[in-house]
Amino acid sequence: MKIPWQSLSESTLSGLVQEFVTREGTEYGVQEVSLDAKVDQVLDQLRSGKIEIVYDEKTETTSLSMVET
């Protein structure tokens, strides 16, 4: 189920994005990127429609996925 990012409170959205960018295996390349910069990048991608929030009812988890065009 897709969750519109606009429907989440600011604190919920921030927590979701922070959890996503700190997951093991999230790769940002050779150059070190601050947590704030990573969060800003993900928020920009959400706002621009490049990624979306998806809720899995079976596992009761959320994830961020690239939008297929």
PDB file of N, CA and C in Angstrom:
ATOM      1  N   MET A   1       0.840  -1.157   0.000  1.00  0.00           N
ATOM      2  CA  MET A   1       0.000   0.000   0.000  1.00  0.00           C
ATOM      3  C   MET A   1       0.901   1.242   0.000  1.00  0.00           C
ATOM      4  N   LYS A   2       0.632   2.167  -0.909  1.00  0.00           N
ATOM      5  CA  LYS A   2       1.401   3.405  -0.989  1.00  0.00           C
ATOM      6  C   LYS A   2       0.864   4.400   0.041  1.00  0.00           C
ATOM      7  N   ILE A   3       1.791   5.077   0.715  1.00  0.00           N
ATOM      8  CA  ILE A   3       1.441   6.073   1.720  1.00  0.00           C
ATOM      9  C   ILE A   3       1.913   7.440   1.215  1.00  0.00           C
ATOM     10  N   PRO A   4       1.006   8.390   1.002  1.00  0.00           N
ATOM     11  CA  PRO A   4       1.440   9.731   0.590  1.00  0.00           C
ATOM     12  C   PRO A   4       2.282  10.369   1.702  1.00  0.00           C
ATOM     13  N   TRP A   5       3.462  10.843   1.365  1.00  0.00           N
ATOM     14  CA  TRP A   5       4.335  11.426   2.383  1.00  0.00           C
ATOM     15  C   TRP A   5       3.680  12.627   3.046  1.00  0.00           C
ATOM     16  N   GLN A   6       2.806  13.321   2.319  1.00  0.00           N
ATOM     17  CA  GLN A   6       2.144  14.506   2.858  1.00  0.00           C
ATOM     18  C   GLN A   6       1.175  14.152   3.985  1.00  0.00           C
ATOM     19  N   SER A   7       0.755  12.887   4.058  1.00  0.00           N
ATOM     20  CA  SER A   7      -0.211  12.472   5.075  1.00  0.00           C
ATOM     21  C   SER A   7       0.448  12.182   6.425  1.00  0.00           C
ATOM     22  N   LEU A   8       1.776  12.149   6.459  1.00  0.00           N
ATOM     23  CA  LEU A   8       2.495  11.859   7.698  1.00  0.00           C
ATOM     24  C   LEU A   8       2.847  13.147   8.432  1.00  0.00           C
ATOM     25  N   SER A   9       2.873  13.071   9.759  1.00  0.00           N
ATOM     26  CA  SER A   9       3.328  14.223  10.535  1.00  0.00           C
ATOM     27  C   SER A   9       4.809  14.450  10.235  1.00  0.00           C
ATOM     28  N   GLU A  10       5.280  15.652  10.509  1.00  0.00           N
ATOM     29  CA  GLU A  10       6.679  15.977  10.239  1.00  0.00           C
ATOM     30  C   GLU A  10       7.617  15.063  11.030  1.00  0.00           C
ATOM     31  N   SER A  11       7.273  14.783  12.286  1.00  0.00           N
ATOM     32  CA  SER A  11       8.143  13.935  13.106  1.00  0.00           C
ATOM     33  C   SER A  11       8.132  12.484  12.623  1.00  0.00           C
ATOM     34  N   THR A  12       6.980  11.990  12.183  1.00  0.00           N
ATOM     35  CA  THR A  12       6.899  10.622  11.663  1.00  0.00           C
ATOM     36  C   THR A  12       7.692  10.494  10.372  1.00  0.00           C
ATOM     37  N   LEU A  13       7.528  11.455   9.477  1.00  0.00           N
ATOM     38  CA  LEU A  13       8.263  11.438   8.212  1.00  0.00           C
ATOM     39  C   LEU A  13       9.763  11.508   8.468  1.00  0.00           C
ATOM     40  N   SER A  14      10.170  12.385   9.356  1.00  0.00           N
ATOM     41  CA  SER A  14      11.589  12.523   9.679  1.00  0.00           C
ATOM     42  C   SER A  14      12.150  11.221  10.243  1.00  0.00           C
ATOM     43  N   GLY A  15      11.428  10.594  11.158  1.00  0.00           N
ATOM     44  CA  GLY A  15      11.879   9.328  11.732  1.00  0.00           C
ATOM     45  C   GLY A  15      11.981   8.228  10.701  1.00  0.00           C
ATOM     46  N   LEU A  16      11.006   8.163   9.807  1.00  0.00           N
ATOM     47  CA  LEU A  16      11.003   7.155   8.748  1.00  0.00           C
ATOM     48  C   LEU A  16      12.208   7.336   7.831  1.00  0.00           C
ATOM     49  N   VAL A  17      12.464   8.572   7.427  1.00  0.00           N
ATOM     50  CA  VAL A  17      13.582   8.842   6.519  1.00  0.00           C
ATOM     51  C   VAL A  17      14.915   8.593   7.228  1.00  0.00           C
ATOM     52  N   GLN A  18      15.039   9.013   8.480  1.00  0.00           N
ATOM     53  CA  GLN A  18      16.281   8.768   9.217  1.00  0.00           C
ATOM     54  C   GLN A  18      16.549   7.276   9.367  1.00  0.00           C
ATOM     55  N   GLU A  19      15.513   6.512   9.664  1.00  0.00           N
ATOM     56  CA  GLU A  19      15.681   5.059   9.780  1.00  0.00           C
ATOM     57  C   GLU A  19      16.137   4.471   8.453  1.00  0.00           C
ATOM     58  N   PHE A  20      15.581   4.960   7.364  1.00  0.00           N
ATOM     59  CA  PHE A  20      15.944   4.459   6.041  1.00  0.00           C
ATOM     60  C   PHE A  20      17.412   4.741   5.725  1.00  0.00           C
ATOM     61  N   VAL A  21      17.856   5.977   5.938  1.00  0.00           N
ATOM     62  CA  VAL A  21      19.223   6.329   5.536  1.00  0.00           C
ATOM     63  C   VAL A  21      20.285   5.734   6.453  1.00  0.00           C
ATOM     64  N   THR A  22      19.885   5.264   7.632  1.00  0.00           N
ATOM     65  CA  THR A  22      20.875   4.655   8.529  1.00  0.00           C
ATOM     66  C   THR A  22      20.869   3.130   8.471  1.00  0.00           C
ATOM     67  N   ARG A  23      20.031   2.565   7.623  1.00  0.00           N
ATOM     68  CA  ARG A  23      20.014   1.106   7.466  1.00  0.00           C
ATOM     69  C   ARG A  23      21.352   0.616   6.956  1.00  0.00           C
ATOM     70  N   GLU A  24      21.763  -0.527   7.454  1.00  0.00           N
ATOM     71  CA  GLU A  24      22.985  -1.147   6.959  1.00  0.00           C
ATOM     72  C   GLU A  24      22.794  -1.477   5.485  1.00  0.00           C
ATOM     73  N   GLY A  25      23.787  -1.135   4.685  1.00  0.00           N
ATOM     74  CA  GLY A  25      23.708  -1.440   3.266  1.00  0.00           C
ATOM     75  C   GLY A  25      23.259  -0.269   2.413  1.00  0.00           C
ATOM     76  N   THR A  26      22.815   0.819   3.043  1.00  0.00           N
ATOM     77  CA  THR A  26      22.466   2.003   2.264  1.00  0.00           C
ATOM     78  C   THR A  26      23.766   2.660   1.850  1.00  0.00           C
ATOM     79  N   GLU A  27      24.006   2.781   0.570  1.00  0.00           N
ATOM     80  CA  GLU A  27      25.292   3.214   0.039  1.00  0.00           C
ATOM     81  C   GLU A  27      25.187   4.594  -0.588  1.00  0.00           C
ATOM     82  N   TYR A  28      26.121   5.458  -0.210  1.00  0.00           N
ATOM     83  CA  TYR A  28      26.168   6.806  -0.768  1.00  0.00           C
ATOM     84  C   TYR A  28      27.477   7.083  -1.489  1.00  0.00           C
ATOM     85  N   GLY A  29      28.259   6.044  -1.754  1.00  0.00           N
ATOM     86  CA  GLY A  29      29.486   6.221  -2.512  1.00  0.00           C
ATOM     87  C   GLY A  29      30.700   6.400  -1.618  1.00  0.00           C
ATOM     88  N   VAL A  30      31.804   6.774  -2.243  1.00  0.00           N
ATOM     89  CA  VAL A  30      33.082   6.887  -1.556  1.00  0.00           C
ATOM     90  C   VAL A  30      33.108   8.090  -0.624  1.00  0.00           C
ATOM     91  N   GLN A  31      32.510   9.187  -1.044  1.00  0.00           N
ATOM     92  CA  GLN A  31      32.544  10.421  -0.267  1.00  0.00           C
ATOM     93  C   GLN A  31      31.579  10.336   0.920  1.00  0.00           C
ATOM     94  N   GLU A  32      32.064  10.745   2.096  1.00  0.00           N
ATOM     95  CA  GLU A  32      31.241  10.746   3.309  1.00  0.00           C
ATOM     96  C   GLU A  32      30.147  11.807   3.191  1.00  0.00           C
ATOM     97  N   VAL A  33      28.921  11.419   3.547  1.00  0.00           N
ATOM     98  CA  VAL A  33      27.775  12.329   3.489  1.00  0.00           C
ATOM     99  C   VAL A  33      27.148  12.364   4.876  1.00  0.00           C
ATOM    100  N   SER A  34      26.870  13.571   5.391  1.00  0.00           N
ATOM    101  CA  SER A  34      26.291  13.694   6.730  1.00  0.00           C
ATOM    102  C   SER A  34      24.866  13.150   6.759  1.00  0.00           C
ATOM    103  N   LEU A  35      24.413  12.782   7.956  1.00  0.00           N
ATOM    104  CA  LEU A  35      23.054  12.278   8.125  1.00  0.00           C
ATOM    105  C   LEU A  35      22.040  13.316   7.654  1.00  0.00           C
ATOM    106  N   ASP A  36      22.256  14.572   8.016  1.00  0.00           N
ATOM    107  CA  ASP A  36      21.325  15.632   7.595  1.00  0.00           C
ATOM    108  C   ASP A  36      21.252  15.745   6.077  1.00  0.00           C
ATOM    109  N   ALA A  37      22.402  15.634   5.412  1.00  0.00           N
ATOM    110  CA  ALA A  37      22.422  15.722   3.948  1.00  0.00           C
ATOM    111  C   ALA A  37      21.691  14.535   3.326  1.00  0.00           C
ATOM    112  N   LYS A  38      21.880  13.350   3.902  1.00  0.00           N
ATOM    113  CA  LYS A  38      21.190  12.158   3.395  1.00  0.00           C
ATOM    114  C   LYS A  38      19.681  12.307   3.551  1.00  0.00           C
ATOM    115  N   VAL A  39      19.248  12.779   4.721  1.00  0.00           N
ATOM    116  CA  VAL A  39      17.817  12.983   4.977  1.00  0.00           C
ATOM    117  C   VAL A  39      17.257  13.993   3.985  1.00  0.00           C
ATOM    118  N   ASP A  40      17.975  15.095   3.774  1.00  0.00           N
ATOM    119  CA  ASP A  40      17.519  16.117   2.820  1.00  0.00           C
ATOM    120  C   ASP A  40      17.397  15.549   1.408  1.00  0.00           C
ATOM    121  N   GLN A  41      18.353  14.718   1.006  1.00  0.00           N
ATOM    122  CA  GLN A  41      18.307  14.115  -0.329  1.00  0.00           C
ATOM    123  C   GLN A  41      17.076  13.236  -0.490  1.00  0.00           C
ATOM    124  N   VAL A  42      16.788  12.433   0.522  1.00  0.00           N
ATOM    125  CA  VAL A  42      15.629  11.538   0.456  1.00  0.00           C
ATOM    126  C   VAL A  42      14.335  12.348   0.464  1.00  0.00           C
ATOM    127  N   LEU A  43      14.258  13.369   1.308  1.00  0.00           N
ATOM    128  CA  LEU A  43      13.059  14.215   1.336  1.00  0.00           C
ATOM    129  C   LEU A  43      12.839  14.894  -0.014  1.00  0.00           C
ATOM    130  N   ASP A  44      13.910  15.362  -0.634  1.00  0.00           N
ATOM    131  CA  ASP A  44      13.800  15.966  -1.971  1.00  0.00           C
ATOM    132  C   ASP A  44      13.258  14.957  -2.978  1.00  0.00           C
ATOM    133  N   GLN A  45      13.713  13.707  -2.894  1.00  0.00           N
ATOM    134  CA  GLN A  45      13.240  12.674  -3.816  1.00  0.00           C
ATOM    135  C   GLN A  45      11.774  12.340  -3.567  1.00  0.00           C
ATOM    136  N   LEU A  46      11.348  12.346  -2.310  1.00  0.00           N
ATOM    137  CA  LEU A  46       9.927  12.132  -1.998  1.00  0.00           C
ATOM    138  C   LEU A  46       9.081  13.261  -2.580  1.00  0.00           C
ATOM    139  N   ARG A  47       9.504  14.491  -2.329  1.00  0.00           N
ATOM    140  CA  ARG A  47       8.746  15.663  -2.791  1.00  0.00           C
ATOM    141  C   ARG A  47       8.662  15.732  -4.312  1.00  0.00           C
ATOM    142  N   SER A  48       9.709  15.278  -4.979  1.00  0.00           N
ATOM    143  CA  SER A  48       9.722  15.337  -6.446  1.00  0.00           C
ATOM    144  C   SER A  48       9.034  14.136  -7.087  1.00  0.00           C
ATOM    145  N   GLY A  49       8.636  13.150  -6.272  1.00  0.00           N
ATOM    146  CA  GLY A  49       7.939  11.984  -6.806  1.00  0.00           C
ATOM    147  C   GLY A  49       8.843  10.895  -7.348  1.00  0.00           C
ATOM    148  N   LYS A  50      10.144  10.980  -7.071  1.00  0.00           N
ATOM    149  CA  LYS A  50      11.075   9.960  -7.558  1.00  0.00           C
ATOM    150  C   LYS A  50      11.022   8.688  -6.719  1.00  0.00           C
ATOM    151  N   ILE A  51      10.696   8.849  -5.443  1.00  0.00           N
ATOM    152  CA  ILE A  51      10.529   7.696  -4.563  1.00  0.00           C
ATOM    153  C   ILE A  51       9.197   7.827  -3.833  1.00  0.00           C
ATOM    154  N   GLU A  52       8.732   6.710  -3.265  1.00  0.00           N
ATOM    155  CA  GLU A  52       7.459   6.709  -2.552  1.00  0.00           C
ATOM    156  C   GLU A  52       7.573   5.843  -1.307  1.00  0.00           C
ATOM    157  N   ILE A  53       6.673   6.082  -0.375  1.00  0.00           N
ATOM    158  CA  ILE A  53       6.614   5.291   0.848  1.00  0.00           C
ATOM    159  C   ILE A  53       5.632   4.154   0.617  1.00  0.00           C
ATOM    160  N   VAL A  54       6.075   2.941   0.928  1.00  0.00           N
ATOM    161  CA  VAL A  54       5.241   1.759   0.727  1.00  0.00           C
ATOM    162  C   VAL A  54       5.127   1.020   2.060  1.00  0.00           C
ATOM    163  N   TYR A  55       3.899   0.669   2.419  1.00  0.00           N
ATOM    164  CA  TYR A  55       3.633  -0.095   3.643  1.00  0.00           C
ATOM    165  C   TYR A  55       3.263  -1.517   3.255  1.00  0.00           C
ATOM    166  N   ASP A  56       3.936  -2.487   3.874  1.00  0.00           N
ATOM    167  CA  ASP A  56       3.659  -3.900   3.634  1.00  0.00           C
ATOM    168  C   ASP A  56       2.786  -4.409   4.775  1.00  0.00           C
ATOM    169  N   GLU A  57       1.559  -4.755   4.461  1.00  0.00           N
ATOM    170  CA  GLU A  57       0.612  -5.192   5.486  1.00  0.00           C
ATOM    171  C   GLU A  57       1.004  -6.525   6.119  1.00  0.00           C
ATOM    172  N   LYS A  58       1.629  -7.412   5.354  1.00  0.00           N
ATOM    173  CA  LYS A  58       2.037  -8.717   5.890  1.00  0.00           C
ATOM    174  C   LYS A  58       3.101  -8.569   6.971  1.00  0.00           C
ATOM    175  N   THR A  59       4.130  -7.795   6.662  1.00  0.00           N
ATOM    176  CA  THR A  59       5.244  -7.640   7.599  1.00  0.00           C
ATOM    177  C   THR A  59       5.079  -6.433   8.515  1.00  0.00           C
ATOM    178  N   GLU A  60       4.073  -5.614   8.222  1.00  0.00           N
ATOM    179  CA  GLU A  60       3.808  -4.388   8.981  1.00  0.00           C
ATOM    180  C   GLU A  60       5.038  -3.492   9.033  1.00  0.00           C
ATOM    181  N   THR A  61       5.681  -3.342   7.862  1.00  0.00           N
ATOM    182  CA  THR A  61       6.864  -2.500   7.753  1.00  0.00           C
ATOM    183  C   THR A  61       6.677  -1.494   6.625  1.00  0.00           C
ATOM    184  N   THR A  62       7.447  -0.429   6.709  1.00  0.00           N
ATOM    185  CA  THR A  62       7.442   0.564   5.638  1.00  0.00           C
ATOM    186  C   THR A  62       8.796   0.551   4.952  1.00  0.00           C
ATOM    187  N   SER A  63       8.791   0.952   3.700  1.00  0.00           N
ATOM    188  CA  SER A  63      10.031   1.080   2.953  1.00  0.00           C
ATOM    189  C   SER A  63       9.881   2.228   1.969  1.00  0.00           C
ATOM    190  N   LEU A  64      10.995   2.650   1.441  1.00  0.00           N
ATOM    191  CA  LEU A  64      11.008   3.677   0.402  1.00  0.00           C
ATOM    192  C   LEU A  64      11.429   3.001  -0.886  1.00  0.00           C
ATOM    193  N   SER A  65      10.672   3.225  -1.937  1.00  0.00           N
ATOM    194  CA  SER A  65      10.929   2.559  -3.214  1.00  0.00           C
ATOM    195  C   SER A  65      10.967   3.573  -4.340  1.00  0.00           C
ATOM    196  N   MET A  66      11.791   3.273  -5.337  1.00  0.00           N
ATOM    197  CA  MET A  66      11.823   4.103  -6.541  1.00  0.00           C
ATOM    198  C   MET A  66      10.480   3.977  -7.249  1.00  0.00           C
ATOM    199  N   VAL A  67       9.999   5.079  -7.781  1.00  0.00           N
ATOM    200  CA  VAL A  67       8.748   5.070  -8.532  1.00  0.00           C
ATOM    201  C   VAL A  67       9.051   4.575  -9.937  1.00  0.00           C
ATOM    202  N   GLU A  68       8.318   3.572 -10.367  1.00  0.00           N
ATOM    203  CA  GLU A  68       8.502   3.039 -11.713  1.00  0.00           C
ATOM    204  C   GLU A  68       7.754   3.924 -12.692  1.00  0.00           C
ATOM    205  N   THR A  69       8.446   4.287 -13.761  1.00  0.00           N
ATOM    206  CA  THR A  69       7.810   5.157 -14.765  1.00  0.00           C
ATOM    207  C   THR A  69       7.481   4.395 -16.013  1.00  0.00           C
TER     208      THR A  69
END
